[in-house]
């Protein structure tokens, strides 16, 4: 699959999971961007007949909003703040599972890694044209960057 098709697929899968799971909606045009604060990267990978890595780069404020929507609570609730990292990890687990079946079908068996979240030293370049598949979206003013890197097919695939 060409990089442009992979980017479109990544964007669609992310947007659908976000809308269906957290009732949040994406936009490709920035509104009033929320750029301040700590940035996080949540990473998950998969292995099987094919392999790949998926990264979500976003502000901590976005993960708090995500947690609040997943839990059905107010974003100012302490529980949203405390559950932000876990919400991002669980969300990425679901996005990765959907992406794998969309890209590779439902017949092959894949193992997903445990998602990891780490703080970023500085915000990512939201307009980067790197070699991997990158999709930058806006969710309620929060910039969200998804980066997908496909690995080589596993021997025998």
Protein backbone atom coordinates (compact mmCIF):
# COMPACT_ATOMS: atom_id res chain seq x y z
CA UNK A 1 0.00 0.00 0.00
CA UNK A 2 1.38 3.39 -0.93
CA UNK A 3 2.24 5.93 1.74
CA UNK A 4 -0.59 8.28 0.72
CA UNK A 5 -3.13 5.44 1.00
CA UNK A 6 -1.69 4.41 4.38
CA UNK A 7 -2.00 8.00 5.64
CA UNK A 8 -5.64 8.14 4.53
CA UNK A 9 -6.32 4.78 6.18
CA UNK A 10 -4.58 5.86 9.40
CA UNK A 11 -6.59 9.10 9.48
CA UNK A 12 -9.86 7.27 8.87
CA UNK A 13 -9.24 4.58 11.48
CA UNK A 14 -8.14 7.09 14.12
CA UNK A 15 -11.11 9.39 13.42
CA UNK A 16 -13.65 6.55 13.52
CA UNK A 17 -12.32 5.07 16.75
CA UNK A 18 -12.17 8.51 18.38
CA UNK A 19 -15.75 9.30 17.35
CA UNK A 20 -17.19 5.90 18.28
CA UNK A 21 -15.31 5.44 21.54
CA UNK A 22 -14.91 8.94 22.95
CA UNK A 23 -17.49 10.99 21.00
CA UNK A 24 -14.72 13.35 19.86
CA UNK A 25 -14.32 14.49 16.28
CA UNK A 26 -11.30 15.32 14.15
CA UNK A 27 -10.65 18.21 11.81
CA UNK A 28 -7.81 18.68 9.34
CA UNK A 29 -7.78 22.46 9.80
CA UNK A 30 -6.57 24.05 13.02
CA UNK A 31 -9.08 26.14 14.86
CA UNK A 32 -7.84 27.95 17.93
CA UNK A 33 -4.87 25.67 18.60
CA UNK A 34 -4.00 24.59 22.13
CA UNK A 35 -0.22 24.21 21.89
CA UNK A 36 0.97 24.94 25.42
CA UNK A 37 1.81 22.37 28.03
CA UNK A 38 3.50 19.03 28.19
CA UNK A 39 3.58 16.83 25.09
CA UNK A 40 3.39 13.04 25.25
CA UNK A 41 4.07 10.23 22.83
CA UNK A 42 2.18 6.98 23.21
CA UNK A 43 3.67 4.14 21.17
CA UNK A 44 2.43 0.65 20.33
CA UNK A 45 3.74 -1.91 17.86
CA UNK A 46 2.50 -5.12 16.33
CA UNK A 47 4.22 -8.28 15.10
CA UNK A 48 2.98 -11.16 12.98
CA UNK A 49 3.17 -11.79 9.24
CA UNK A 50 3.75 -8.02 9.04
CA UNK A 51 5.00 -5.61 11.64
CA UNK A 52 4.65 -1.93 12.37
CA UNK A 53 4.73 0.82 14.96
CA UNK A 54 2.11 3.44 15.69
CA UNK A 55 2.79 6.63 17.65
CA UNK A 56 0.36 9.22 18.99
CA UNK A 57 1.87 12.62 19.78
CA UNK A 58 -0.39 15.01 21.65
CA UNK A 59 -0.60 17.41 24.54
CA UNK A 60 -1.28 16.15 28.01
CA UNK A 61 -4.40 18.33 27.95
CA UNK A 62 -5.70 16.22 25.05
CA UNK A 63 -5.17 12.98 27.02
CA UNK A 64 -7.07 14.47 29.98
CA UNK A 65 -9.95 15.37 27.66
CA UNK A 66 -9.80 11.88 26.13
CA UNK A 67 -9.92 10.28 29.60
CA UNK A 68 -12.87 12.47 30.60
CA UNK A 69 -14.82 11.51 27.48
CA UNK A 70 -14.01 7.81 27.87
CA UNK A 71 -15.08 7.87 31.52
CA UNK A 72 -18.08 10.16 30.97
CA UNK A 73 -16.85 12.72 33.50
CA UNK A 74 -15.93 16.41 33.51
CA UNK A 75 -12.39 17.18 32.24
CA UNK A 76 -11.78 19.14 35.48
CA UNK A 77 -12.40 16.01 37.55
CA UNK A 78 -9.25 14.68 39.24
CA UNK A 79 -10.06 11.22 37.90
CA UNK A 80 -9.60 12.50 34.32
CA UNK A 81 -6.14 13.85 35.19
CA UNK A 82 -5.13 10.62 36.93
CA UNK A 83 -6.49 8.42 34.14
CA UNK A 84 -5.01 10.39 31.25
CA UNK A 85 -2.00 8.15 30.57
CA UNK A 86 -4.04 4.95 30.82
CA UNK A 87 -6.71 6.42 28.55
CA UNK A 88 -4.13 7.23 25.87
CA UNK A 89 -2.65 3.72 26.12
CA UNK A 90 -6.01 1.96 25.92
CA UNK A 91 -7.10 4.20 23.06
CA UNK A 92 -3.93 3.38 21.11
CA UNK A 93 -4.46 -0.32 21.77
CA UNK A 94 -7.86 -0.06 20.08
CA UNK A 95 -6.61 2.15 17.22
CA UNK A 96 -3.72 -0.24 16.52
CA UNK A 97 -6.04 -3.26 16.52
CA UNK A 98 -8.37 -1.55 14.05
CA UNK A 99 -5.47 -0.39 11.87
CA UNK A 100 -3.95 -3.89 11.73
CA UNK A 101 -7.21 -5.50 10.59
CA UNK A 102 -7.84 -2.69 8.09
CA UNK A 103 -4.35 -3.00 6.57
CA UNK A 104 -3.85 -6.77 6.80
CA UNK A 105 -7.29 -8.37 7.14
CA UNK A 106 -8.77 -10.51 9.88
CA UNK A 107 -7.17 -13.86 9.05
CA UNK A 108 -3.53 -13.31 10.11
CA UNK A 109 -2.69 -13.39 13.83
CA UNK A 110 -0.80 -10.43 15.29
CA UNK A 111 0.64 -9.67 18.71
CA UNK A 112 0.39 -6.11 19.98
CA UNK A 113 2.97 -4.69 22.36
CA UNK A 114 2.00 -3.04 25.61
CA UNK A 115 1.50 0.67 24.85
CA UNK A 116 4.04 3.04 26.43
CA UNK A 117 3.65 6.76 27.07
CA UNK A 118 6.63 9.04 27.45
CA UNK A 119 6.96 12.81 27.74
CA UNK A 120 8.47 14.59 24.75
CA UNK A 121 11.27 17.08 25.35
CA UNK A 122 9.65 19.49 22.89
CA UNK A 123 6.52 19.61 20.74
CA UNK A 124 6.74 17.65 17.47
CA UNK A 125 6.97 19.35 14.10
CA UNK A 126 3.31 19.17 13.15
CA UNK A 127 4.10 19.87 9.52
CA UNK A 128 6.95 17.39 9.11
CA UNK A 129 7.25 15.50 5.85
CA UNK A 130 9.19 12.54 7.21
CA UNK A 131 9.45 9.19 5.44
CA UNK A 132 6.87 7.39 7.57
CA UNK A 133 3.14 7.80 7.30
CA UNK A 134 2.17 10.89 9.32
CA UNK A 135 -1.27 12.35 9.89
CA UNK A 136 -1.80 15.61 11.78
CA UNK A 137 -5.33 16.30 12.93
CA UNK A 138 -7.06 18.69 15.31
CA UNK A 139 -9.48 17.55 17.98
CA UNK A 140 -11.36 20.30 19.81
CA UNK A 141 -8.42 22.66 19.22
CA UNK A 142 -5.81 20.12 20.29
CA UNK A 143 -3.21 19.09 17.71
CA UNK A 144 -2.79 15.34 17.42
CA UNK A 145 -0.10 13.71 15.31
CA UNK A 146 -0.15 10.04 14.33
CA UNK A 147 2.94 8.40 12.92
CA UNK A 148 2.81 4.92 11.40
CA UNK A 149 5.93 3.06 10.33
CA UNK A 150 5.50 -0.30 8.63
CA UNK A 151 8.25 -2.80 9.20
CA UNK A 152 9.38 -5.40 6.69
CA UNK A 153 7.20 -8.51 6.31
CA UNK A 154 8.20 -11.27 8.68
CA UNK A 155 9.94 -14.26 7.07
CA UNK A 156 7.43 -16.59 5.51
CA UNK A 157 4.74 -13.91 5.12
